[in-house]
Amino acid sequence: MPESAERDPNAALPASASAAGTTGTAAGPPKVARFLVLLAVLSVGVYANALGNGFALDDNPVVVENENVHDLSLLPRLFTEPHWDNYRPVTLTTFALEWAVSDGAPALFHATNVGLHALVTCLLFLLLVRLGAPHIGAAVGAAIFAVHPVHVEAVSNVVGRAELLVAVFTLLALLVHTSARSRAFRAVGVAVLVALALGSKENGVAVPALMLLTTAFLAPTVAAAWASIRRDLPVYAGVVAVGGAYALVRRSVVGTFTLYQQAYGFDLDASERVLTAIGIWPEYVRLLFFPADLSAEYGPGLLMPMRSVTWEVLLGAIVGIGCLLLVPLLWRRSRWVSLGVAWFALSIFPVSNLVIPVGIWLAERNLYLPSVSVAMLAAALVAALRDAPGRAGDGGAARGVHPLGMATAIGIVLVLGSWRTWTRTPTWESTDSVLFGLMEEQPESFRAQWHMANLLSSSNQPERALEYIERARDLVPGHGQVILDHARLLGLNGRPEDAEAVLRENEWLAASSGWRTYMTFALLDQGRADEALEVAEEGARLSPESDLVRGALEAARAAAASDTAPRAPSDTVPP
């Protein structure tokens, strides 16, 4: 068979997809263009209020405080130096270009995110049509994706850029892989797009698996799928070569092949980490299908580590095993459902903590690419309802749900999604707005307790601050910065002996400027100036540019020189 026939958009479709796709693709480019314009307008409109947001949380260290993105002459560093133990040069390059154009004004960064979200929505529509969805089904699925509230963090927070770029390059790679007629073009195009996805964020590693999934979906039989894969071995070989090169470069820059970070300071063994990861799967389902309750933080207080089999783990296992079983069981009968379930499982796997700890248990931004599965299921549902048997009328047997009823249901979903997205977006205006929102909506979160402690401390209420920081420590006993703040607040409350004890118990933090600073002041408040000076001098050697350490060193030198009693704790310990 000639290659042009292999890649005919209406060839090799499964029966259900072919039937749906025949009416969907017959209308041609003008209809597609109209749908794309409407989807782009919807995507931009629902996030228009994000343009007034500033920088929040991780935006500050990644963009505002990262000198490598402030000068285009430093651009090569983005490809040769790690940032936060990550290797994401493509994402950081976009930040550098925007900084050069806007001089750090956040509006351009947010406009880019919104534009990328619109691009992802349009690419998703094209992919759904390519896979055989009718135009109306593809449009509904893409529209639901455009307004889905779980995307607010990825779109409204600047560092969500990584998720958006991975989605752009993933969808483009799949469109090239399933549509391009030239095998050489596919091989080069897909390899370049996979490299860009991996350079944007590590979860780009899912692209090859999604390529295999879409190939299998478009093939009418298993034998045809294997034949297509064998014909495209040069394409897959190029993808493997790109992946291997990325791994080697990442290893040379970052020092590891993968990101390996335990979350929130918990030292979980492999079985505990897997149990915790499994227990979170029901939360994935809730966020994808009932995203009314959203949070900037899914750490301790909202989710806890699971060290044994609990009901959450059992429910998560049911969800996970159900996904594994549904894909083969429904492949012939409801292939679109199988596609959606398999897409979610494959795209969430790299960030699921099932194999590699990634530093967090759950973040809404990590559901951006996996939520394409919801669009696939929605497209399939619209097609099924349209073609379902209906009441017989004068003209014979009718088919499908009444158009008005279907339009009403779709409208309700889109309005509710748009409303929740629009009202959620201002939460990401700044770090303060995020943390105050967390304190109001999820006060049980460790981060809410921690932030309240810092607010009370800055308001000269150290006693109440200590209560909140101790609650935070109960939730995250191994979190380094919470430990240091606990020691600081003990000092402010006139308990230097307890502050010293906390620091001695956590000497793994001794290389940090905070540990050296608070230990210096704890010793000074006990009249042990010589010991304090020794600790402060070592801190100055380890962190010569730290203002905290310099202040501690000056205080220790003054106390050692004068050999006088230390000042009151509230005057000695820095805020």
Protein backbone atom coordinates (compact mmCIF):
# COMPACT_ATOMS: atom_id res chain seq x y z
CA MET A 1 0.00 0.00 0.00
CA PRO A 2 1.43 3.43 -0.85
CA GLU A 3 2.25 5.69 2.06
CA SER A 4 -0.26 8.32 0.98
CA ALA A 5 -3.03 5.77 1.45
CA GLU A 6 -1.74 4.79 4.87
CA ARG A 7 -2.16 8.35 6.13
CA ASP A 8 -5.50 9.17 4.53
CA PRO A 9 -7.48 10.91 7.32
CA ASN A 10 -10.43 8.55 6.74
CA ALA A 11 -8.36 5.40 6.41
CA ALA A 12 -7.70 2.87 9.16
CA LEU A 13 -10.29 4.32 11.52
CA PRO A 14 -12.09 2.00 13.92
CA ALA A 15 -15.68 1.40 12.94
CA SER A 16 -17.11 3.67 15.61
CA ALA A 17 -14.59 6.41 14.92
CA SER A 18 -15.02 6.10 11.19
CA ALA A 19 -18.76 6.44 11.42
CA ALA A 20 -18.44 9.45 13.64
CA GLY A 21 -15.65 10.92 11.60
CA THR A 22 -17.35 10.67 8.26
CA THR A 23 -19.84 13.39 9.05
CA GLY A 24 -17.28 15.27 11.08
CA THR A 25 -14.67 15.63 8.40
CA ALA A 26 -16.84 16.09 5.36
CA ALA A 27 -17.57 19.74 6.02
CA GLY A 28 -14.00 20.75 5.18
CA PRO A 29 -11.67 23.61 6.16
CA PRO A 30 -14.21 26.48 6.46
CA LYS A 31 -16.15 24.68 9.18
CA VAL A 32 -12.94 23.70 10.96
CA ALA A 33 -11.76 27.31 10.85
CA ARG A 34 -15.00 28.54 12.41
CA PHE A 35 -14.72 26.03 15.23
CA LEU A 36 -11.08 27.01 15.83
CA VAL A 37 -11.96 30.71 16.04
CA LEU A 38 -14.79 30.05 18.51
CA LEU A 39 -12.59 27.82 20.67
CA ALA A 40 -9.77 30.36 20.69
CA VAL A 41 -12.16 33.14 21.71
CA LEU A 42 -13.60 30.97 24.49
CA SER A 43 -10.14 30.00 25.76
CA VAL A 44 -8.92 33.60 25.86
CA GLY A 45 -12.15 35.02 27.22
CA VAL A 46 -12.43 32.72 30.19
CA TYR A 47 -8.88 33.70 31.28
CA ALA A 48 -9.01 37.39 30.38
CA ASN A 49 -8.82 38.35 34.06
CA ALA A 50 -5.49 36.48 34.37
CA LEU A 51 -3.83 39.35 32.51
CA GLY A 52 -4.02 41.45 35.68
CA ASN A 53 -2.23 38.87 37.81
CA GLY A 54 1.31 39.39 39.07
CA PHE A 55 3.93 36.82 40.04
CA ALA A 56 2.98 34.25 42.68
CA LEU A 57 4.80 31.55 44.67
CA ASP A 58 7.27 29.70 42.43
CA ASP A 59 7.13 32.49 39.84
CA ASN A 60 9.44 34.48 42.10
CA PRO A 61 12.45 32.13 42.33
CA VAL A 62 11.99 30.79 38.78
CA VAL A 63 11.44 34.14 37.01
CA VAL A 64 11.72 37.23 39.21
CA GLU A 65 14.83 36.19 41.17
CA ASN A 66 16.50 34.11 38.43
CA GLU A 67 19.24 36.28 36.91
CA ASN A 68 19.70 33.81 34.07
CA VAL A 69 16.39 34.89 32.53
CA HIS A 70 17.05 38.61 32.97
CA ASP A 71 19.79 38.94 30.36
CA LEU A 72 19.72 37.33 26.92
CA SER A 73 23.51 37.14 26.96
CA LEU A 74 23.08 34.52 29.71
CA LEU A 75 20.79 32.39 27.56
CA PRO A 76 23.39 29.60 27.12
CA ARG A 77 23.34 29.05 30.88
CA LEU A 78 19.75 27.85 30.64
CA PHE A 79 21.03 24.87 28.65
CA THR A 80 24.15 24.19 30.73
CA GLU A 81 23.05 24.91 34.31
CA PRO A 82 20.23 23.37 36.39
CA HIS A 83 17.62 25.42 38.17
CA TRP A 84 16.05 23.94 41.31
CA ASP A 85 17.50 20.55 40.33
CA ASN A 86 15.41 20.71 37.16
CA TYR A 87 16.41 20.86 33.52
CA ARG A 88 13.78 22.83 31.58
CA PRO A 89 15.72 25.06 29.17
CA VAL A 90 12.86 25.52 26.70
CA THR A 91 10.49 26.87 29.33
CA LEU A 92 13.16 29.14 30.82
CA THR A 93 14.07 30.42 27.36
CA THR A 94 10.50 31.65 26.85
CA PHE A 95 10.76 33.49 30.17
CA ALA A 96 14.05 35.09 29.12
CA LEU A 97 12.57 36.32 25.83
CA GLU A 98 9.55 37.78 27.61
CA TRP A 99 11.71 39.46 30.24
CA ALA A 100 13.76 41.10 27.49
CA VAL A 101 10.63 42.42 25.79
CA SER A 102 8.63 43.48 28.87
CA ASP A 103 11.42 44.30 31.34
CA GLY A 104 9.80 41.91 33.78
CA ALA A 105 6.20 43.18 33.55
CA PRO A 106 3.98 40.20 34.41
CA ALA A 107 1.21 41.04 31.91
CA LEU A 108 3.17 39.66 28.94
CA PHE A 109 3.95 36.43 30.80
CA HIS A 110 0.27 35.91 31.55
CA ALA A 111 -0.78 36.85 28.01
CA THR A 112 1.60 34.19 26.68
CA ASN A 113 0.13 31.58 29.01
CA VAL A 114 -3.41 32.44 27.92
CA GLY A 115 -2.38 32.34 24.27
CA LEU A 116 -0.73 28.95 24.73
CA HIS A 117 -3.86 27.63 26.42
CA ALA A 118 -5.91 28.76 23.41
CA LEU A 119 -3.40 27.05 21.11
CA VAL A 120 -3.62 23.80 23.11
CA THR A 121 -7.42 23.91 22.93
CA CYS A 122 -7.34 24.34 19.14
CA LEU A 123 -4.75 21.57 18.69
CA LEU A 124 -6.87 19.29 20.83
CA PHE A 125 -9.87 19.93 18.58
CA LEU A 126 -7.79 19.06 15.52
CA LEU A 127 -6.49 15.87 17.15
CA LEU A 128 -10.00 14.76 18.11
CA VAL A 129 -11.18 15.32 14.55
CA ARG A 130 -8.13 13.46 13.23
CA LEU A 131 -8.99 10.54 15.50
CA GLY A 132 -12.48 10.40 14.02
CA ALA A 133 -14.68 12.48 16.32
CA PRO A 134 -17.48 14.43 14.63
CA HIS A 135 -16.85 18.14 14.52
CA ILE A 136 -19.52 18.94 17.09
CA GLY A 137 -18.21 16.29 19.47
CA ALA A 138 -14.62 17.46 19.06
CA ALA A 139 -15.71 21.07 19.59
CA VAL A 140 -17.62 20.21 22.79
CA GLY A 141 -14.69 18.20 24.14
CA ALA A 142 -12.22 20.98 23.37
CA ALA A 143 -14.58 23.62 24.82
CA ILE A 144 -14.86 21.68 28.08
CA PHE A 145 -11.07 21.48 28.13
CA ALA A 146 -10.85 25.25 27.55
CA VAL A 147 -12.97 26.12 30.60
CA HIS A 148 -12.03 23.24 32.91
CA PRO A 149 -11.33 24.75 36.36
CA VAL A 150 -8.50 22.33 37.14
CA HIS A 151 -6.40 24.22 34.56
CA VAL A 152 -6.42 27.51 36.48
CA GLU A 153 -3.10 26.89 38.19
CA ALA A 154 -1.35 25.94 34.94
CA VAL A 155 -2.71 28.94 33.03
CA SER A 156 -2.90 31.67 35.71
CA ASN A 157 0.40 30.92 37.43
CA VAL A 158 3.37 31.86 35.23
CA VAL A 159 5.42 28.74 35.99
CA GLY A 160 2.49 26.68 34.72
CA ARG A 161 4.09 27.51 31.36
CA ALA A 162 5.91 24.17 31.48
CA GLU A 163 2.62 22.25 31.44
CA LEU A 164 1.28 24.36 28.56
CA LEU A 165 4.40 23.88 26.44
CA VAL A 166 4.47 20.12 27.02
CA ALA A 167 0.83 19.95 25.92
CA VAL A 168 1.52 22.04 22.78
CA PHE A 169 4.46 19.91 21.69
CA THR A 170 2.71 16.64 22.59
CA LEU A 171 -0.41 17.41 20.57
CA LEU A 172 1.66 18.70 17.64
CA ALA A 173 3.76 15.52 17.73
CA LEU A 174 0.63 13.37 17.62
CA LEU A 175 -0.86 15.39 14.77
CA VAL A 176 2.35 15.09 12.76
CA HIS A 177 2.66 11.40 13.57
CA THR A 178 -0.92 10.55 12.54
CA SER A 179 -1.36 12.94 9.61
CA ALA A 180 1.91 13.63 7.79
CA ARG A 181 2.25 11.61 4.60
CA SER A 182 6.04 11.68 4.39
CA ARG A 183 7.68 9.21 6.73
CA ALA A 184 10.87 11.27 6.68
CA PHE A 185 8.95 14.39 7.68
CA ARG A 186 7.23 12.45 10.46
CA ALA A 187 10.53 11.11 11.76
CA VAL A 188 12.23 14.51 11.87
CA GLY A 189 9.16 16.47 12.97
CA VAL A 190 8.22 14.11 15.79
CA ALA A 191 11.82 13.90 17.02
CA VAL A 192 12.11 17.70 17.19
CA LEU A 193 8.76 18.04 18.97
CA VAL A 194 9.64 15.34 21.51
CA ALA A 195 12.93 17.15 22.21
CA LEU A 196 11.02 20.40 22.78
CA ALA A 197 8.52 18.66 25.07
CA LEU A 198 11.30 17.11 27.17
CA GLY A 199 13.08 20.46 27.31
CA SER A 200 9.90 22.04 28.64
CA LYS A 201 9.28 19.56 31.46
CA GLU A 202 10.10 15.99 32.34
CA ASN A 203 6.58 14.66 31.74
CA GLY A 204 7.25 15.01 28.02
CA VAL A 205 8.55 11.47 28.43
CA ALA A 206 4.93 10.33 27.96
CA VAL A 207 4.85 11.33 24.28
CA PRO A 208 6.12 8.00 22.83
CA ALA A 209 3.49 6.04 24.78
CA LEU A 210 0.77 8.41 23.55
CA MET A 211 2.04 7.92 19.98
CA LEU A 212 1.61 4.17 20.34
CA LEU A 213 -1.85 4.69 21.84
CA THR A 214 -3.12 6.85 18.99
CA THR A 215 -1.60 4.46 16.42
CA ALA A 216 -3.48 1.57 18.00
CA PHE A 217 -6.67 3.61 18.13
CA LEU A 218 -6.58 4.43 14.43
CA ALA A 219 -5.89 0.85 13.39
CA PRO A 220 -8.94 -1.36 12.69
CA THR A 221 -7.27 -4.49 14.09
CA VAL A 222 -4.40 -5.45 16.33
CA ALA A 223 -2.54 -6.82 13.32
CA ALA A 224 -2.96 -3.51 11.52
CA ALA A 225 -1.66 -1.66 14.57
CA TRP A 226 1.47 -3.80 14.71
CA ALA A 227 1.97 -3.37 10.97
CA SER A 228 1.74 0.42 11.34
CA ILE A 229 4.21 0.40 14.22
CA ARG A 230 6.66 -1.73 12.24
CA ARG A 231 6.42 0.65 9.27
CA ASP A 232 7.14 3.56 11.59
CA LEU A 233 10.12 2.00 13.34
CA PRO A 234 12.40 4.78 11.98
CA VAL A 235 10.10 7.33 13.62
CA TYR A 236 10.21 5.54 16.96
CA ALA A 237 13.96 5.04 16.65
CA GLY A 238 14.36 8.79 16.30
CA VAL A 239 12.21 9.34 19.40
CA VAL A 240 14.30 6.85 21.39
CA ALA A 241 17.49 8.56 20.24
CA VAL A 242 16.15 11.95 21.35
CA GLY A 243 15.11 10.51 24.70
CA GLY A 244 18.52 8.96 25.24
CA ALA A 245 20.30 12.19 24.33
CA TYR A 246 18.05 14.16 26.68
CA ALA A 247 18.78 11.74 29.52
CA LEU A 248 22.54 12.06 29.00
CA VAL A 249 22.41 15.87 28.81
CA ARG A 250 20.20 16.04 31.89
CA ARG A 251 22.58 13.70 33.72
CA SER A 252 25.57 15.90 32.89
CA VAL A 253 23.78 19.15 33.87
CA VAL A 254 21.68 18.14 36.87
CA GLY A 255 23.65 15.14 38.07
CA THR A 256 20.78 12.64 37.84
CA PHE A 257 18.79 11.06 35.05
CA THR A 258 15.50 11.78 36.80
CA LEU A 259 14.03 14.10 39.40
CA TYR A 260 14.12 12.26 42.72
CA GLN A 261 12.66 14.26 45.59
CA GLN A 262 10.72 13.03 48.60
CA ALA A 263 7.70 15.23 49.27
CA TYR A 264 7.46 17.56 52.28
CA GLY A 265 10.45 16.08 54.06
CA PHE A 266 8.89 12.64 54.61
CA ASP A 267 11.38 9.81 54.26
CA LEU A 268 9.00 7.23 52.80
CA ASP A 269 10.27 3.85 51.72
CA ALA A 270 9.20 2.48 48.34
CA SER A 271 6.10 0.68 49.63
CA GLU A 272 4.88 3.73 51.59
CA ARG A 273 5.44 5.99 48.60
CA VAL A 274 3.46 3.68 46.34
CA LEU A 275 0.62 3.37 48.87
CA THR A 276 0.46 7.17 49.12
CA ALA A 277 0.43 7.51 45.34
CA ILE A 278 -2.34 4.92 44.97
CA GLY A 279 -4.43 6.61 47.65
CA ILE A 280 -4.43 9.85 45.64
CA TRP A 281 -6.10 8.36 42.52
CA PRO A 282 -9.67 9.03 43.75
CA GLU A 283 -8.66 12.69 44.10
CA TYR A 284 -7.65 12.68 40.43
CA VAL A 285 -11.15 11.52 39.53
CA ARG A 286 -12.77 14.19 41.70
CA LEU A 287 -10.67 16.98 40.21
CA LEU A 288 -11.36 15.87 36.64
CA PHE A 289 -15.12 15.43 36.96
CA PHE A 290 -16.17 17.50 40.01
CA PRO A 291 -13.64 20.36 40.23
CA ALA A 292 -15.63 22.70 42.46
CA ASP A 293 -13.23 22.48 45.42
CA LEU A 294 -9.74 23.54 44.31
CA SER A 295 -6.57 24.14 46.29
CA ALA A 296 -3.13 25.60 45.71
CA GLU A 297 -1.70 22.97 48.03
CA TYR A 298 -2.43 19.25 48.39
CA GLY A 299 0.17 18.57 51.02
CA PRO A 300 -0.15 17.38 54.62
CA GLY A 301 -3.36 18.46 56.25
CA LEU A 302 -5.30 17.77 53.07
CA LEU A 303 -3.44 14.61 52.09
CA MET A 304 -1.25 12.55 54.39
CA PRO A 305 1.35 9.86 53.74
CA MET A 306 -0.06 6.35 53.85
CA ARG A 307 2.11 3.81 55.58
CA SER A 308 -0.42 0.97 55.51
CA VAL A 309 -3.44 -0.12 53.51
CA THR A 310 -6.25 2.32 54.28
CA TRP A 311 -9.69 2.81 52.74
CA GLU A 312 -8.17 5.58 50.58
CA VAL A 313 -5.59 3.11 49.28
CA LEU A 314 -8.28 0.49 48.62
CA LEU A 315 -10.43 3.00 46.75
CA GLY A 316 -7.41 4.18 44.78
CA ALA A 317 -6.52 0.60 43.91
CA ILE A 318 -10.06 0.05 42.66
CA VAL A 319 -9.76 3.15 40.45
CA GLY A 320 -6.32 2.14 39.14
CA ILE A 321 -7.23 -1.50 38.51
CA GLY A 322 -10.49 -0.35 36.94
CA CYS A 323 -8.51 1.77 34.49
CA LEU A 324 -6.29 -1.17 33.59
CA LEU A 325 -9.29 -3.43 33.02
CA LEU A 326 -11.47 -0.93 31.17
CA VAL A 327 -8.96 -0.30 28.40
CA PRO A 328 -8.90 -3.87 26.97
CA LEU A 329 -12.49 -4.72 27.93
CA LEU A 330 -14.00 -1.72 26.13
CA TRP A 331 -11.52 -1.48 23.27
CA ARG A 332 -13.86 -3.07 20.73
CA ARG A 333 -17.18 -1.92 22.15
CA SER A 334 -16.39 1.66 23.28
CA ARG A 335 -12.98 2.47 21.91
CA TRP A 336 -13.26 6.19 22.75
CA VAL A 337 -13.77 5.38 26.41
CA SER A 338 -10.73 3.11 26.31
CA LEU A 339 -8.75 5.87 24.60
CA GLY A 340 -9.66 8.42 27.27
CA VAL A 341 -8.85 6.11 30.16
CA ALA A 342 -5.56 5.00 28.62
CA TRP A 343 -4.59 8.60 27.82
CA PHE A 344 -5.08 9.60 31.44
CA ALA A 345 -3.13 6.65 32.82
CA LEU A 346 -0.18 7.13 30.46
CA SER A 347 0.08 10.90 30.88
CA ILE A 348 -0.31 10.97 34.67
CA PHE A 349 2.16 8.13 35.24
CA PRO A 350 5.40 10.22 35.05
CA VAL A 351 4.20 12.55 37.85
CA SER A 352 2.25 10.00 39.90
CA ASN A 353 5.09 9.10 42.33
CA LEU A 354 4.48 5.43 41.56
CA VAL A 355 8.07 4.96 40.37
CA ILE A 356 9.98 8.17 41.09
CA PRO A 357 9.29 10.70 43.88
CA VAL A 358 8.74 14.09 42.24
CA GLY A 359 8.65 16.39 45.26
CA ILE A 360 4.87 16.79 45.55
CA TRP A 361 2.00 14.33 45.89
CA LEU A 362 -0.54 16.19 43.80
CA ALA A 363 -0.78 19.52 41.99
CA GLU A 364 -3.61 20.72 39.79
CA ARG A 365 -1.13 21.90 37.15
CA ASN A 366 0.04 18.31 36.66
CA LEU A 367 -3.45 17.38 35.46
CA TYR A 368 -3.29 19.70 32.44
CA LEU A 369 -2.20 17.12 29.85
CA PRO A 370 -4.01 14.17 31.52
CA SER A 371 -7.29 16.13 31.41
CA VAL A 372 -7.31 15.71 27.63
CA SER A 373 -8.96 12.41 28.57
CA VAL A 374 -12.07 14.34 29.71
CA ALA A 375 -12.30 15.98 26.28
CA MET A 376 -12.07 12.57 24.63
CA LEU A 377 -14.84 11.17 26.80
CA ALA A 378 -16.99 14.25 26.20
CA ALA A 379 -16.54 13.98 22.42
CA ALA A 380 -17.52 10.31 22.55
CA LEU A 381 -20.55 11.06 24.74
CA VAL A 382 -21.84 13.75 22.37
CA ALA A 383 -21.48 11.40 19.40
CA ALA A 384 -23.20 8.58 21.29
CA LEU A 385 -26.11 10.76 22.39
CA ARG A 386 -26.54 12.15 18.91
CA ASP A 387 -26.73 8.68 17.40
CA ALA A 388 -28.73 6.99 20.18
CA PRO A 389 -32.22 5.64 19.30
CA GLY A 390 -34.93 8.21 20.00
CA ARG A 391 -38.73 8.40 19.94
CA ALA A 392 -40.47 7.58 16.73
CA GLY A 393 -42.15 10.50 15.03
CA ASP A 394 -44.29 10.99 11.97
CA GLY A 395 -41.30 10.64 9.75
CA GLY A 396 -40.25 7.31 11.20
CA ALA A 397 -37.78 6.29 13.86
CA ALA A 398 -35.87 9.29 15.19
CA ARG A 399 -32.33 9.04 16.39
CA GLY A 400 -30.47 10.84 19.11
CA VAL A 401 -31.24 13.01 22.06
CA HIS A 402 -33.23 16.12 21.23
CA PRO A 403 -30.78 18.82 20.05
CA LEU A 404 -32.25 21.40 22.44
CA GLY A 405 -31.77 19.11 25.40
CA MET A 406 -28.21 18.31 24.41
CA ALA A 407 -27.38 21.97 23.82
CA THR A 408 -28.85 22.90 27.20
CA ALA A 409 -26.79 20.28 29.02
CA ILE A 410 -23.60 21.33 27.21
CA GLY A 411 -24.33 24.98 27.92
CA ILE A 412 -24.80 24.33 31.63
CA VAL A 413 -21.47 22.48 31.82
CA LEU A 414 -19.63 25.24 29.97
CA VAL A 415 -21.20 28.03 32.02
CA LEU A 416 -20.40 26.32 35.32
CA GLY A 417 -16.85 25.58 34.22
CA SER A 418 -16.33 29.13 32.98
CA TRP A 419 -17.72 30.63 36.18
CA ARG A 420 -15.50 28.49 38.42
CA THR A 421 -12.44 29.23 36.28
CA TRP A 422 -13.12 32.98 36.18
CA THR A 423 -13.66 33.22 39.95
CA ARG A 424 -10.65 31.04 40.72
CA THR A 425 -8.13 32.90 38.55
CA PRO A 426 -7.72 35.97 40.85
CA THR A 427 -6.53 33.62 43.61
CA TRP A 428 -3.24 33.40 41.69
CA GLU A 429 -2.75 37.18 41.55
CA SER A 430 0.14 37.12 44.03
CA THR A 431 1.79 34.98 46.67
CA ASP A 432 -0.24 36.70 49.37
CA SER A 433 -3.53 36.10 47.55
CA VAL A 434 -2.69 32.41 47.14
CA LEU A 435 -1.74 31.95 50.79
CA PHE A 436 -4.64 33.98 52.14
CA GLY A 437 -6.96 31.96 49.94
CA LEU A 438 -5.44 28.78 51.30
CA MET A 439 -5.93 29.99 54.87
CA GLU A 440 -9.58 30.74 54.15
CA GLU A 441 -10.48 27.67 52.12
CA GLN A 442 -8.11 24.97 53.44
CA PRO A 443 -7.04 26.16 56.91
CA GLU A 444 -6.14 22.59 57.84
CA SER A 445 -3.28 22.62 55.33
CA PHE A 446 0.21 22.69 56.80
CA ARG A 447 1.08 25.60 54.52
CA ALA A 448 -1.87 27.62 55.83
CA GLN A 449 -0.72 26.98 59.42
CA TRP A 450 2.83 27.90 58.49
CA HIS A 451 1.81 31.11 56.75
CA MET A 452 -0.35 32.13 59.70
CA ALA A 453 2.64 31.62 62.00
CA ASN A 454 4.75 33.94 59.86
CA LEU A 455 2.01 36.56 59.71
CA LEU A 456 1.61 36.55 63.49
CA SER A 457 5.38 36.69 63.93
CA SER A 458 5.65 39.74 61.68
CA SER A 459 2.78 41.30 63.66
CA ASN A 460 4.77 40.91 66.90
CA GLN A 461 2.59 38.10 68.24
CA PRO A 462 5.21 35.40 68.86
CA GLU A 463 3.14 33.40 71.34
CA ARG A 464 0.30 32.81 68.90
CA ALA A 465 2.78 32.32 66.07
CA LEU A 466 4.42 29.50 68.01
CA GLU A 467 1.07 27.72 68.32
CA TYR A 468 0.60 27.71 64.56
CA ILE A 469 4.13 26.68 63.69
CA GLU A 470 3.87 23.75 66.08
CA ARG A 471 0.69 22.64 64.33
CA ALA A 472 2.54 22.85 61.03
CA ARG A 473 5.43 20.81 62.44
CA ASP A 474 3.02 18.13 63.62
CA LEU A 475 1.93 17.76 59.99
CA VAL A 476 5.40 17.99 58.39
CA PRO A 477 7.96 17.06 61.06
CA GLY A 478 10.77 16.73 58.49
CA HIS A 479 10.19 19.94 56.50
CA GLY A 480 13.44 21.91 56.70
CA GLN A 481 12.12 25.48 56.57
CA VAL A 482 9.30 24.73 59.01
CA ILE A 483 11.89 23.32 61.44
CA LEU A 484 13.97 26.49 61.17
CA ASP A 485 10.95 28.73 61.69
CA HIS A 486 10.02 26.64 64.73
CA ALA A 487 13.46 27.23 66.22
CA ARG A 488 13.26 30.96 65.41
CA LEU A 489 9.89 31.32 67.12
CA LEU A 490 11.06 29.41 70.18
CA GLY A 491 13.85 31.96 70.45
CA LEU A 492 11.41 34.84 70.09
CA ASN A 493 9.37 33.37 72.92
CA GLY A 494 12.34 33.34 75.29
CA ARG A 495 13.02 29.60 75.02
CA PRO A 496 16.57 29.45 73.62
CA GLU A 497 17.26 26.05 75.19
CA ASP A 498 14.30 24.55 73.32
CA ALA A 499 15.39 26.31 70.11
CA GLU A 500 18.86 24.78 70.46
CA ALA A 501 17.34 21.34 71.07
CA VAL A 502 15.23 21.56 67.91
CA LEU A 503 18.28 22.57 65.88
CA ARG A 504 20.50 19.88 67.42
CA GLU A 505 17.89 17.27 66.51
CA ASN A 506 18.06 18.42 62.90
CA GLU A 507 21.76 18.88 62.23
CA TRP A 508 21.18 17.72 58.66
CA LEU A 509 20.22 21.38 58.13
CA ALA A 510 23.54 22.65 59.54
CA ALA A 511 24.84 23.70 56.14
CA SER A 512 21.96 26.16 55.71
CA SER A 513 22.24 29.82 56.62
CA GLY A 514 19.06 29.60 58.69
CA TRP A 515 20.37 26.82 60.94
CA ARG A 516 23.63 28.67 61.60
CA THR A 517 21.82 31.95 62.25
CA TYR A 518 19.23 30.61 64.69
CA MET A 519 21.76 28.43 66.47
CA THR A 520 24.01 31.48 66.90
CA PHE A 521 21.21 33.46 68.54
CA ALA A 522 20.05 30.51 70.65
CA LEU A 523 23.58 30.24 72.08
CA LEU A 524 23.86 34.00 72.56
CA ASP A 525 20.59 34.05 74.50
CA GLN A 526 22.09 31.44 76.84
CA GLY A 527 25.23 33.52 77.39
CA ARG A 528 27.49 31.17 75.38
CA ALA A 529 29.15 33.82 73.23
CA ASP A 530 32.27 31.83 72.32
CA GLU A 531 30.24 28.88 71.02
CA ALA A 532 27.94 31.28 69.18
CA LEU A 533 30.93 32.94 67.49
CA GLU A 534 32.27 29.58 66.34
CA VAL A 535 28.89 28.64 64.81
CA ALA A 536 28.52 32.06 63.18
CA GLU A 537 32.02 31.97 61.66
CA GLU A 538 31.33 28.58 60.14
CA GLY A 539 28.04 29.94 58.79
CA ALA A 540 29.86 32.89 57.20
CA ARG A 541 32.25 30.47 55.54
CA LEU A 542 29.39 28.36 54.16
CA SER A 543 27.10 31.27 53.18
CA PRO A 544 29.25 34.38 52.78
CA GLU A 545 26.53 36.34 50.93
CA SER A 546 23.73 35.71 53.44
CA ASP A 547 22.52 38.83 55.25
CA LEU A 548 21.15 36.64 58.05
CA VAL A 549 24.53 35.02 58.62
CA ARG A 550 26.36 38.36 58.52
CA GLY A 551 23.98 39.77 61.13
CA ALA A 552 24.50 36.74 63.35
CA LEU A 553 28.28 37.00 62.99
CA GLU A 554 28.27 40.68 63.95
CA ALA A 555 26.13 39.97 67.02
CA ALA A 556 28.38 37.07 68.05
CA ARG A 557 31.55 39.14 67.66
CA ALA A 558 30.07 41.99 69.67
CA ALA A 559 28.97 39.64 72.45
CA ALA A 560 32.33 37.84 72.54
CA ALA A 561 34.23 41.12 72.60
CA SER A 562 32.16 42.74 75.34
CA ASP A 563 31.53 39.54 77.30
CA THR A 564 28.22 41.04 78.40
CA ALA A 565 24.87 39.45 78.94
CA PRO A 566 22.88 38.91 75.73
CA ARG A 567 19.98 41.06 74.73
CA ALA A 568 16.38 40.02 75.23
CA PRO A 569 15.29 37.31 72.79
CA SER A 570 12.86 39.58 70.96
CA ASP A 571 15.77 41.90 70.20
CA THR A 572 18.30 39.19 69.43
CA VAL A 573 16.54 36.76 67.11
CA PRO A 574 15.89 38.11 63.60
CA PRO A 575 12.26 38.14 62.42
